[in-house]
N, C-alpha and C. Protein backbone atom coordinates (compact mmCIF):
# COMPACT_ATOMS: atom_id res chain seq x y z
N MET A 1 -29.31 36.37 -25.64
CA MET A 1 -28.73 37.13 -26.72
C MET A 1 -27.78 38.19 -26.20
N ALA A 2 -28.11 38.81 -25.10
CA ALA A 2 -27.23 39.84 -24.54
C ALA A 2 -25.89 39.23 -24.14
N ASN A 3 -25.91 38.02 -23.65
CA ASN A 3 -24.65 37.39 -23.24
C ASN A 3 -23.74 37.14 -24.44
N LYS A 4 -24.32 36.74 -25.62
CA LYS A 4 -23.50 36.48 -26.80
C LYS A 4 -22.84 37.77 -27.29
N SER A 5 -23.57 38.86 -27.33
CA SER A 5 -22.96 40.10 -27.81
C SER A 5 -21.88 40.60 -26.86
N PHE A 6 -22.06 40.30 -25.57
CA PHE A 6 -21.02 40.66 -24.60
C PHE A 6 -19.71 39.92 -24.91
N TYR A 7 -19.83 38.61 -25.21
CA TYR A 7 -18.64 37.81 -25.51
C TYR A 7 -18.00 38.21 -26.84
N TYR A 8 -18.80 38.62 -27.81
CA TYR A 8 -18.26 39.08 -29.08
C TYR A 8 -17.56 40.42 -28.95
N SER A 9 -17.95 41.24 -27.99
CA SER A 9 -17.36 42.56 -27.85
C SER A 9 -16.03 42.53 -27.09
N ILE A 10 -15.75 41.48 -26.36
CA ILE A 10 -14.48 41.39 -25.61
C ILE A 10 -13.28 41.40 -26.55
N PRO A 11 -13.24 40.59 -27.63
CA PRO A 11 -12.08 40.68 -28.53
C PRO A 11 -11.94 42.06 -29.16
N ALA A 12 -13.05 42.67 -29.55
CA ALA A 12 -12.98 44.01 -30.14
C ALA A 12 -12.44 45.01 -29.13
N LEU A 13 -12.84 44.90 -27.88
CA LEU A 13 -12.37 45.78 -26.82
C LEU A 13 -10.86 45.59 -26.62
N LEU A 14 -10.39 44.35 -26.60
CA LEU A 14 -8.96 44.07 -26.41
C LEU A 14 -8.14 44.62 -27.58
N ILE A 15 -8.65 44.49 -28.80
CA ILE A 15 -7.94 45.03 -29.96
C ILE A 15 -7.86 46.55 -29.85
N GLY A 16 -8.95 47.18 -29.45
CA GLY A 16 -8.96 48.64 -29.30
C GLY A 16 -7.98 49.11 -28.25
N ILE A 17 -7.92 48.42 -27.11
CA ILE A 17 -6.99 48.79 -26.03
C ILE A 17 -5.56 48.61 -26.51
N THR A 18 -5.28 47.51 -27.22
CA THR A 18 -3.94 47.25 -27.73
C THR A 18 -3.50 48.36 -28.69
N LEU A 19 -4.39 48.79 -29.58
CA LEU A 19 -4.05 49.86 -30.51
C LEU A 19 -3.79 51.17 -29.79
N ILE A 20 -4.55 51.48 -28.77
CA ILE A 20 -4.34 52.70 -27.99
C ILE A 20 -2.97 52.65 -27.31
N ILE A 21 -2.62 51.51 -26.74
CA ILE A 21 -1.34 51.37 -26.05
C ILE A 21 -0.19 51.56 -27.05
N ILE A 22 -0.31 50.97 -28.24
CA ILE A 22 0.74 51.10 -29.25
C ILE A 22 0.92 52.56 -29.65
N VAL A 23 -0.19 53.26 -29.88
CA VAL A 23 -0.11 54.68 -30.25
C VAL A 23 0.54 55.49 -29.15
N LEU A 24 0.17 55.23 -27.89
CA LEU A 24 0.77 55.96 -26.77
C LEU A 24 2.27 55.71 -26.66
N ILE A 25 2.67 54.48 -26.82
CA ILE A 25 4.10 54.14 -26.72
C ILE A 25 4.87 54.83 -27.83
N GLU A 26 4.37 54.75 -29.06
CA GLU A 26 5.07 55.37 -30.18
C GLU A 26 5.13 56.89 -30.06
N SER A 27 4.07 57.50 -29.52
CA SER A 27 4.08 58.96 -29.41
C SER A 27 4.98 59.44 -28.29
N ASN A 28 5.28 58.58 -27.31
CA ASN A 28 6.12 58.98 -26.19
C ASN A 28 7.58 58.62 -26.38
N GLN A 29 7.92 57.98 -27.50
CA GLN A 29 9.32 57.62 -27.70
C GLN A 29 10.17 58.86 -27.90
N ASN A 30 11.39 58.75 -27.43
CA ASN A 30 12.35 59.85 -27.56
C ASN A 30 12.80 59.94 -29.01
N THR A 31 12.45 61.03 -29.68
CA THR A 31 12.80 61.15 -31.09
C THR A 31 13.87 62.20 -31.33
N HIS A 32 14.40 62.84 -30.28
CA HIS A 32 15.45 63.80 -30.53
C HIS A 32 16.80 63.10 -30.56
N SER A 33 17.76 63.73 -31.18
CA SER A 33 19.09 63.16 -31.32
C SER A 33 20.06 63.92 -30.43
N VAL A 34 20.90 63.18 -29.73
CA VAL A 34 21.92 63.77 -28.87
C VAL A 34 23.27 63.46 -29.48
N LEU A 35 24.13 64.44 -29.53
CA LEU A 35 25.48 64.26 -30.07
C LEU A 35 26.48 64.35 -28.94
N ILE A 36 27.35 63.37 -28.88
CA ILE A 36 28.49 63.42 -27.97
C ILE A 36 29.72 63.40 -28.86
N HIS A 37 30.53 64.44 -28.77
CA HIS A 37 31.74 64.52 -29.58
C HIS A 37 32.94 64.34 -28.67
N GLU A 38 33.73 63.32 -28.95
CA GLU A 38 34.92 63.05 -28.16
C GLU A 38 36.12 63.75 -28.80
N HIS A 39 37.14 64.00 -27.97
CA HIS A 39 38.32 64.72 -28.47
C HIS A 39 39.10 63.93 -29.52
N ASP A 40 38.87 62.63 -29.63
CA ASP A 40 39.57 61.86 -30.66
C ASP A 40 38.84 61.91 -32.00
N GLY A 41 37.76 62.70 -32.06
CA GLY A 41 37.03 62.84 -33.30
C GLY A 41 35.84 61.92 -33.45
N THR A 42 35.61 61.04 -32.50
CA THR A 42 34.48 60.15 -32.57
C THR A 42 33.20 60.89 -32.22
N ASP A 43 32.21 60.74 -33.04
CA ASP A 43 30.90 61.32 -32.77
C ASP A 43 29.93 60.19 -32.42
N TYR A 44 29.22 60.33 -31.31
CA TYR A 44 28.19 59.40 -30.93
C TYR A 44 26.85 60.11 -31.03
N HIS A 45 25.92 59.52 -31.75
CA HIS A 45 24.60 60.09 -31.91
C HIS A 45 23.58 59.14 -31.30
N SER A 46 22.65 59.68 -30.52
CA SER A 46 21.53 58.85 -30.08
C SER A 46 20.51 58.85 -31.20
N HIS A 47 19.85 57.74 -31.37
CA HIS A 47 18.86 57.61 -32.42
C HIS A 47 17.51 57.29 -31.81
N GLU A 48 16.51 57.14 -32.67
CA GLU A 48 15.17 56.86 -32.18
C GLU A 48 15.11 55.56 -31.40
N ASP A 49 16.05 54.65 -31.63
CA ASP A 49 16.04 53.40 -30.88
C ASP A 49 16.61 53.56 -29.47
N GLY A 50 17.04 54.79 -29.11
CA GLY A 50 17.54 55.05 -27.77
C GLY A 50 18.99 54.69 -27.57
N GLU A 51 19.65 54.16 -28.60
CA GLU A 51 21.04 53.77 -28.47
C GLU A 51 21.95 54.84 -29.07
N TYR A 52 23.20 54.82 -28.66
CA TYR A 52 24.20 55.69 -29.25
C TYR A 52 24.93 54.90 -30.32
N HIS A 53 25.25 55.55 -31.40
CA HIS A 53 25.97 54.91 -32.49
C HIS A 53 27.16 55.77 -32.85
N SER A 54 28.30 55.15 -33.08
CA SER A 54 29.50 55.89 -33.42
C SER A 54 29.83 55.67 -34.89
N HIS A 55 30.75 56.48 -35.39
CA HIS A 55 31.17 56.29 -36.76
C HIS A 55 31.96 54.99 -36.92
N ARG A 56 32.29 54.38 -35.82
CA ARG A 56 32.99 53.09 -35.87
C ARG A 56 32.02 51.93 -36.05
N ASN A 57 30.74 52.23 -36.19
CA ASN A 57 29.69 51.25 -36.45
C ASN A 57 29.49 50.27 -35.30
N GLU A 58 29.72 50.70 -34.09
CA GLU A 58 29.44 49.88 -32.93
C GLU A 58 28.28 50.51 -32.17
N SER A 59 27.47 49.71 -31.54
CA SER A 59 26.30 50.20 -30.84
C SER A 59 26.67 50.55 -29.40
N VAL A 60 26.69 51.83 -29.09
CA VAL A 60 27.04 52.31 -27.76
C VAL A 60 25.74 52.54 -26.99
N ILE A 61 25.60 51.88 -25.83
CA ILE A 61 24.35 52.03 -25.09
C ILE A 61 24.42 53.16 -24.07
N SER A 62 25.63 53.56 -23.68
CA SER A 62 25.79 54.68 -22.76
C SER A 62 27.25 55.09 -22.75
N VAL A 63 27.52 56.20 -22.08
CA VAL A 63 28.90 56.66 -21.91
C VAL A 63 29.12 56.85 -20.42
N ASP A 64 30.15 56.20 -19.87
CA ASP A 64 30.45 56.32 -18.46
C ASP A 64 30.79 57.78 -18.14
N PRO A 65 30.10 58.39 -17.17
CA PRO A 65 30.29 59.82 -16.92
C PRO A 65 31.68 60.19 -16.41
N GLU A 66 32.32 59.32 -15.68
CA GLU A 66 33.65 59.63 -15.13
C GLU A 66 34.76 59.40 -16.15
N SER A 67 34.81 58.21 -16.71
CA SER A 67 35.92 57.85 -17.61
C SER A 67 35.65 58.24 -19.06
N ARG A 68 34.39 58.51 -19.39
CA ARG A 68 33.95 58.79 -20.76
C ARG A 68 34.12 57.57 -21.67
N LEU A 69 34.21 56.37 -21.06
CA LEU A 69 34.29 55.14 -21.85
C LEU A 69 32.95 54.87 -22.50
N PRO A 70 32.93 54.56 -23.80
CA PRO A 70 31.68 54.17 -24.43
C PRO A 70 31.31 52.74 -24.03
N ILE A 71 30.15 52.57 -23.41
CA ILE A 71 29.69 51.26 -22.95
C ILE A 71 28.88 50.63 -24.09
N VAL A 72 29.28 49.45 -24.50
CA VAL A 72 28.62 48.80 -25.62
C VAL A 72 27.83 47.57 -25.21
N GLN A 73 27.92 47.16 -23.96
CA GLN A 73 27.19 45.98 -23.50
C GLN A 73 26.98 46.13 -22.01
N ASP A 74 25.79 45.77 -21.53
CA ASP A 74 25.57 45.89 -20.10
C ASP A 74 25.95 44.58 -19.40
N HIS A 75 25.95 44.64 -18.07
CA HIS A 75 26.44 43.50 -17.27
C HIS A 75 25.60 42.25 -17.44
N LEU A 76 24.36 42.35 -17.83
CA LEU A 76 23.53 41.16 -17.98
C LEU A 76 23.91 40.37 -19.22
N GLN A 77 24.54 41.02 -20.19
CA GLN A 77 24.91 40.36 -21.43
C GLN A 77 26.34 39.85 -21.42
N SER A 78 27.14 40.21 -20.44
CA SER A 78 28.56 39.92 -20.50
C SER A 78 29.05 39.24 -19.23
N GLY A 79 28.30 38.32 -18.69
CA GLY A 79 28.74 37.55 -17.54
C GLY A 79 29.01 38.39 -16.31
N GLY A 80 28.23 39.42 -16.06
CA GLY A 80 28.41 40.25 -14.87
C GLY A 80 29.23 41.50 -15.09
N TYR A 81 29.76 41.70 -16.29
CA TYR A 81 30.57 42.87 -16.59
C TYR A 81 29.89 43.77 -17.62
N LYS A 82 30.04 45.07 -17.44
CA LYS A 82 29.75 45.99 -18.53
C LYS A 82 30.94 45.89 -19.47
N THR A 83 30.74 46.22 -20.73
CA THR A 83 31.82 46.15 -21.70
C THR A 83 32.01 47.51 -22.35
N ALA A 84 33.26 47.95 -22.44
CA ALA A 84 33.59 49.23 -23.05
C ALA A 84 34.34 49.00 -24.35
N GLN A 85 34.15 49.93 -25.27
CA GLN A 85 34.88 49.89 -26.53
C GLN A 85 36.05 50.86 -26.45
N VAL A 86 37.25 50.37 -26.73
CA VAL A 86 38.43 51.24 -26.83
C VAL A 86 39.09 50.95 -28.18
N THR A 87 39.91 51.88 -28.61
CA THR A 87 40.61 51.72 -29.88
C THR A 87 42.10 51.68 -29.60
N ILE A 88 42.74 50.66 -30.12
CA ILE A 88 44.19 50.52 -30.02
C ILE A 88 44.72 50.39 -31.44
N ASP A 89 45.54 51.35 -31.83
CA ASP A 89 46.11 51.35 -33.19
C ASP A 89 45.03 51.14 -34.26
N ASN A 90 43.94 51.90 -34.16
CA ASN A 90 42.84 51.88 -35.12
C ASN A 90 42.06 50.58 -35.15
N GLU A 91 42.22 49.72 -34.16
CA GLU A 91 41.45 48.48 -34.04
C GLU A 91 40.55 48.60 -32.82
N ASN A 92 39.29 48.16 -32.94
CA ASN A 92 38.37 48.19 -31.80
C ASN A 92 38.61 46.98 -30.90
N TYR A 93 38.63 47.26 -29.61
CA TYR A 93 38.72 46.22 -28.58
C TYR A 93 37.54 46.39 -27.65
N PHE A 94 37.06 45.28 -27.12
CA PHE A 94 35.91 45.30 -26.23
C PHE A 94 36.35 44.76 -24.88
N LEU A 95 36.45 45.67 -23.91
CA LEU A 95 37.04 45.35 -22.62
C LEU A 95 35.97 45.26 -21.55
N ASP A 96 36.00 44.17 -20.79
CA ASP A 96 35.14 44.06 -19.62
C ASP A 96 35.58 45.11 -18.62
N ILE A 97 34.62 45.75 -17.97
CA ILE A 97 34.92 46.82 -17.01
C ILE A 97 34.92 46.26 -15.60
N ALA A 98 36.04 46.43 -14.90
CA ALA A 98 36.15 46.07 -13.49
C ALA A 98 36.15 47.37 -12.70
N ASP A 99 34.98 47.75 -12.19
CA ASP A 99 34.86 49.04 -11.51
C ASP A 99 34.39 48.93 -10.06
N THR A 100 34.39 47.72 -9.52
CA THR A 100 34.10 47.51 -8.10
C THR A 100 35.24 46.71 -7.50
N ASN A 101 35.37 46.73 -6.19
CA ASN A 101 36.44 45.95 -5.54
C ASN A 101 36.36 44.47 -5.92
N LYS A 102 35.15 43.92 -5.92
CA LYS A 102 34.97 42.50 -6.23
C LYS A 102 35.44 42.19 -7.66
N LEU A 103 35.02 43.01 -8.62
CA LEU A 103 35.41 42.77 -10.01
C LEU A 103 36.90 43.01 -10.23
N ARG A 104 37.46 44.02 -9.54
CA ARG A 104 38.90 44.27 -9.69
C ARG A 104 39.71 43.13 -9.08
N GLN A 105 39.26 42.57 -7.96
CA GLN A 105 39.98 41.45 -7.35
C GLN A 105 39.92 40.20 -8.23
N GLN A 106 38.77 39.97 -8.87
CA GLN A 106 38.61 38.82 -9.75
C GLN A 106 39.45 38.97 -11.01
N GLY A 107 39.37 40.17 -11.61
CA GLY A 107 40.14 40.41 -12.84
C GLY A 107 39.90 39.34 -13.88
N LEU A 108 40.96 38.92 -14.54
CA LEU A 108 40.88 37.88 -15.57
C LEU A 108 41.21 36.49 -15.01
N SER A 109 41.34 36.38 -13.69
CA SER A 109 41.67 35.09 -13.07
C SER A 109 40.65 34.02 -13.45
N TYR A 110 41.13 32.82 -13.61
CA TYR A 110 40.35 31.61 -13.88
C TYR A 110 39.83 31.52 -15.31
N ARG A 111 39.97 32.55 -16.10
CA ARG A 111 39.52 32.43 -17.50
C ARG A 111 40.51 31.58 -18.27
N GLU A 112 39.98 30.82 -19.21
CA GLU A 112 40.85 29.96 -20.02
C GLU A 112 41.60 30.76 -21.07
N ASN A 113 40.98 31.84 -21.58
CA ASN A 113 41.61 32.66 -22.61
C ASN A 113 40.82 33.97 -22.73
N LEU A 114 41.28 34.83 -23.61
CA LEU A 114 40.57 36.06 -23.93
C LEU A 114 39.93 35.91 -25.30
N ARG A 115 38.70 36.38 -25.43
CA ARG A 115 38.10 36.37 -26.77
C ARG A 115 38.90 37.31 -27.67
N ASN A 116 38.86 37.09 -28.94
CA ASN A 116 39.59 37.93 -29.90
C ASN A 116 39.14 39.38 -29.76
N GLY A 117 40.08 40.29 -29.57
CA GLY A 117 39.74 41.70 -29.39
C GLY A 117 39.19 42.02 -28.01
N GLY A 118 39.40 41.12 -27.06
CA GLY A 118 38.88 41.32 -25.70
C GLY A 118 39.96 41.73 -24.73
N GLY A 119 39.55 41.94 -23.50
CA GLY A 119 40.46 42.32 -22.44
C GLY A 119 39.67 42.86 -21.26
N MET A 120 40.33 43.62 -20.42
CA MET A 120 39.67 44.18 -19.24
C MET A 120 40.26 45.55 -18.96
N ILE A 121 39.39 46.46 -18.49
CA ILE A 121 39.85 47.76 -18.01
C ILE A 121 39.41 47.90 -16.57
N PHE A 122 40.37 48.22 -15.72
CA PHE A 122 40.13 48.43 -14.29
C PHE A 122 39.95 49.93 -14.07
N ILE A 123 38.83 50.31 -13.51
CA ILE A 123 38.56 51.71 -13.19
C ILE A 123 38.64 51.85 -11.68
N PHE A 124 39.51 52.72 -11.21
CA PHE A 124 39.73 52.90 -9.78
C PHE A 124 39.07 54.18 -9.29
N ASP A 125 38.77 54.21 -7.99
CA ASP A 125 38.16 55.40 -7.38
C ASP A 125 39.12 56.57 -7.34
N GLN A 126 40.40 56.28 -7.22
CA GLN A 126 41.44 57.31 -7.13
C GLN A 126 42.62 56.90 -8.00
N PRO A 127 43.32 57.87 -8.58
CA PRO A 127 44.56 57.53 -9.28
C PRO A 127 45.58 56.97 -8.29
N GLY A 128 46.45 56.12 -8.77
CA GLY A 128 47.48 55.56 -7.89
C GLY A 128 48.39 54.62 -8.63
N GLN A 129 49.35 54.08 -7.90
CA GLN A 129 50.28 53.10 -8.44
C GLN A 129 49.68 51.71 -8.21
N HIS A 130 48.63 51.42 -8.96
CA HIS A 130 47.85 50.20 -8.77
C HIS A 130 48.65 48.98 -9.21
N GLY A 131 48.82 48.04 -8.28
CA GLY A 131 49.59 46.83 -8.55
C GLY A 131 48.74 45.74 -9.18
N ILE A 132 49.34 44.98 -10.08
CA ILE A 132 48.68 43.86 -10.76
C ILE A 132 49.56 42.64 -10.60
N TRP A 133 48.93 41.51 -10.28
CA TRP A 133 49.66 40.25 -10.23
C TRP A 133 48.94 39.22 -11.08
N MET A 134 49.56 38.06 -11.26
CA MET A 134 49.05 37.05 -12.17
C MET A 134 48.45 35.85 -11.43
N LYS A 135 47.87 36.10 -10.26
CA LYS A 135 47.28 35.03 -9.47
C LYS A 135 46.14 34.36 -10.23
N ASP A 136 46.20 33.05 -10.31
CA ASP A 136 45.18 32.21 -10.95
C ASP A 136 44.93 32.55 -12.42
N MET A 137 45.96 33.08 -13.09
CA MET A 137 45.85 33.38 -14.52
C MET A 137 46.28 32.16 -15.34
N ASN A 138 45.69 32.02 -16.52
CA ASN A 138 45.97 30.88 -17.39
C ASN A 138 46.63 31.26 -18.71
N PHE A 139 46.96 32.54 -18.90
CA PHE A 139 47.57 32.98 -20.15
C PHE A 139 48.33 34.27 -19.89
N ALA A 140 49.26 34.58 -20.78
CA ALA A 140 50.07 35.80 -20.66
C ALA A 140 49.27 37.01 -21.14
N ILE A 141 49.59 38.19 -20.59
CA ILE A 141 48.88 39.42 -20.96
C ILE A 141 49.86 40.58 -21.08
N ASP A 142 49.39 41.64 -21.74
CA ASP A 142 50.04 42.94 -21.71
C ASP A 142 49.27 43.79 -20.72
N ILE A 143 49.98 44.56 -19.89
CA ILE A 143 49.34 45.40 -18.86
C ILE A 143 49.71 46.85 -19.15
N LEU A 144 48.69 47.71 -19.19
CA LEU A 144 48.90 49.14 -19.44
C LEU A 144 48.34 49.94 -18.28
N TRP A 145 49.08 50.95 -17.84
CA TRP A 145 48.58 51.91 -16.85
C TRP A 145 48.31 53.20 -17.61
N VAL A 146 47.07 53.68 -17.52
CA VAL A 146 46.61 54.76 -18.37
C VAL A 146 46.04 55.90 -17.52
N ASN A 147 46.35 57.14 -17.91
CA ASN A 147 45.79 58.33 -17.24
C ASN A 147 44.45 58.70 -17.86
N LYS A 148 43.74 59.62 -17.19
CA LYS A 148 42.44 60.09 -17.69
C LYS A 148 42.53 60.68 -19.09
N ASP A 149 43.68 61.24 -19.44
CA ASP A 149 43.84 61.81 -20.79
C ASP A 149 44.23 60.74 -21.82
N GLN A 150 44.14 59.48 -21.43
CA GLN A 150 44.40 58.32 -22.29
C GLN A 150 45.86 58.20 -22.69
N THR A 151 46.74 58.69 -21.83
CA THR A 151 48.17 58.52 -22.02
C THR A 151 48.61 57.28 -21.25
N VAL A 152 49.33 56.41 -21.92
CA VAL A 152 49.88 55.23 -21.25
C VAL A 152 51.13 55.67 -20.51
N VAL A 153 51.11 55.59 -19.17
CA VAL A 153 52.25 56.04 -18.37
C VAL A 153 53.24 54.92 -18.10
N HIS A 154 52.79 53.67 -18.29
CA HIS A 154 53.68 52.53 -18.08
C HIS A 154 53.03 51.30 -18.72
N SER A 155 53.86 50.37 -19.17
CA SER A 155 53.34 49.11 -19.69
C SER A 155 54.28 47.98 -19.35
N GLU A 156 53.71 46.82 -19.20
CA GLU A 156 54.46 45.57 -19.04
C GLU A 156 53.89 44.63 -20.08
N THR A 157 54.74 44.07 -20.92
CA THR A 157 54.24 43.22 -22.01
C THR A 157 54.63 41.77 -21.79
N ASN A 158 53.78 40.91 -22.33
CA ASN A 158 54.00 39.46 -22.28
C ASN A 158 54.27 38.96 -20.86
N VAL A 159 53.43 39.39 -19.93
CA VAL A 159 53.55 38.98 -18.53
C VAL A 159 52.90 37.60 -18.39
N SER A 160 53.67 36.62 -17.97
CA SER A 160 53.17 35.24 -17.92
C SER A 160 52.64 34.89 -16.53
N PRO A 161 51.77 33.87 -16.46
CA PRO A 161 51.24 33.42 -15.17
C PRO A 161 52.34 32.96 -14.21
N GLU A 162 53.46 32.54 -14.76
CA GLU A 162 54.57 32.04 -13.94
C GLU A 162 55.23 33.14 -13.11
N THR A 163 54.92 34.40 -13.40
CA THR A 163 55.51 35.49 -12.62
C THR A 163 54.86 35.64 -11.25
N TYR A 164 53.71 35.00 -11.02
CA TYR A 164 53.06 35.09 -9.71
C TYR A 164 54.00 34.50 -8.66
N PRO A 165 54.23 35.15 -7.54
CA PRO A 165 53.46 36.20 -6.87
C PRO A 165 54.01 37.62 -7.06
N ALA A 166 54.85 37.84 -8.07
CA ALA A 166 55.36 39.20 -8.31
C ALA A 166 54.20 40.16 -8.58
N VAL A 167 54.35 41.40 -8.10
CA VAL A 167 53.35 42.44 -8.31
C VAL A 167 53.96 43.49 -9.23
N PHE A 168 53.25 43.82 -10.29
CA PHE A 168 53.71 44.81 -11.26
C PHE A 168 53.03 46.14 -10.95
N THR A 169 53.85 47.19 -10.78
CA THR A 169 53.32 48.52 -10.49
C THR A 169 54.01 49.55 -11.39
N PRO A 170 53.32 50.63 -11.68
CA PRO A 170 53.94 51.67 -12.51
C PRO A 170 54.80 52.57 -11.64
N PRO A 171 55.75 53.29 -12.22
CA PRO A 171 56.58 54.22 -11.45
C PRO A 171 55.82 55.49 -11.05
N VAL A 172 54.71 55.76 -11.74
CA VAL A 172 53.88 56.94 -11.45
C VAL A 172 52.43 56.49 -11.35
N GLY A 173 51.58 57.33 -10.80
CA GLY A 173 50.16 57.00 -10.64
C GLY A 173 49.42 56.95 -11.97
N ALA A 174 48.33 56.19 -11.98
CA ALA A 174 47.47 56.07 -13.16
C ALA A 174 46.02 55.95 -12.71
N ASP A 175 45.11 56.27 -13.61
CA ASP A 175 43.68 56.18 -13.32
C ASP A 175 43.09 54.82 -13.67
N TYR A 176 43.65 54.18 -14.70
CA TYR A 176 43.11 52.92 -15.20
C TYR A 176 44.23 51.93 -15.42
N VAL A 177 43.86 50.65 -15.39
CA VAL A 177 44.76 49.59 -15.83
C VAL A 177 44.02 48.81 -16.90
N VAL A 178 44.71 48.55 -18.00
CA VAL A 178 44.13 47.79 -19.10
C VAL A 178 44.92 46.50 -19.26
N GLU A 179 44.21 45.38 -19.37
CA GLU A 179 44.85 44.09 -19.61
C GLU A 179 44.38 43.57 -20.96
N LEU A 180 45.35 43.20 -21.80
CA LEU A 180 45.10 42.72 -23.16
C LEU A 180 45.86 41.43 -23.39
N ALA A 181 45.51 40.72 -24.44
CA ALA A 181 46.24 39.51 -24.80
C ALA A 181 47.70 39.87 -25.06
N ALA A 182 48.61 39.00 -24.64
CA ALA A 182 50.04 39.23 -24.85
C ALA A 182 50.31 39.44 -26.33
N GLY A 183 51.15 40.44 -26.63
CA GLY A 183 51.50 40.74 -28.00
C GLY A 183 50.64 41.81 -28.65
N THR A 184 49.64 42.32 -27.93
CA THR A 184 48.78 43.36 -28.48
C THR A 184 49.46 44.71 -28.46
N TRP A 185 50.16 45.01 -27.37
CA TRP A 185 50.71 46.35 -27.15
C TRP A 185 52.16 46.42 -27.61
N ALA A 186 52.50 47.52 -28.29
CA ALA A 186 53.88 47.79 -28.67
C ALA A 186 54.21 49.20 -28.20
N ALA A 187 55.47 49.52 -28.10
CA ALA A 187 55.90 50.84 -27.61
C ALA A 187 55.31 51.97 -28.46
N SER A 188 55.06 51.71 -29.73
CA SER A 188 54.51 52.76 -30.62
C SER A 188 52.99 52.78 -30.66
N SER A 189 52.34 51.91 -29.90
CA SER A 189 50.87 51.82 -29.92
C SER A 189 50.22 53.02 -29.27
N THR A 190 48.96 53.24 -29.63
CA THR A 190 48.14 54.30 -29.02
C THR A 190 46.81 53.70 -28.57
N ILE A 191 46.22 54.31 -27.55
CA ILE A 191 44.92 53.87 -27.05
C ILE A 191 44.01 55.10 -26.94
N SER A 192 42.74 54.91 -27.25
CA SER A 192 41.77 56.00 -27.11
C SER A 192 40.39 55.43 -26.91
N TRP A 193 39.52 56.28 -26.38
CA TRP A 193 38.10 55.95 -26.28
C TRP A 193 37.28 57.20 -26.32
């Protein structure tokens, strides 16, 4: 008889332990809200789910401390790249981040196309006249050289793969290079994050 009651008490014990664990997890969750206000007027609030949310209704999981780019997807979800949200002429774009030598060298090479509203942002360790070429590219792009204050210091539009091995460089230094689908950028366009 003692053995039967022992076996009957195991499920009750497991249920009790599970309930204790749930209570502990819920009581330890971060319930305060953090506000990040960007100079372009975007407010990011952290919520109880631990994510940042902007008034643009996109889920921001973190903000890059150097560039202040809002990160909306981590590298495990985007084929090895983190993804940042930027705004061009009031439209949201989701750019893969190339912030290592390996990712910067790969760039958009070998891709068949860009997803709608996609592109890439290259983050460099130092500002400079960073050169871009069209090696192993399969489609035309617009290339922007951008400073930390989000000013476009130079652009090349509708750059085709046939221009390889030419290297495109800006006349002045820049902190970032942004690559977008050809026809996205116009002289009157603006970019922000």
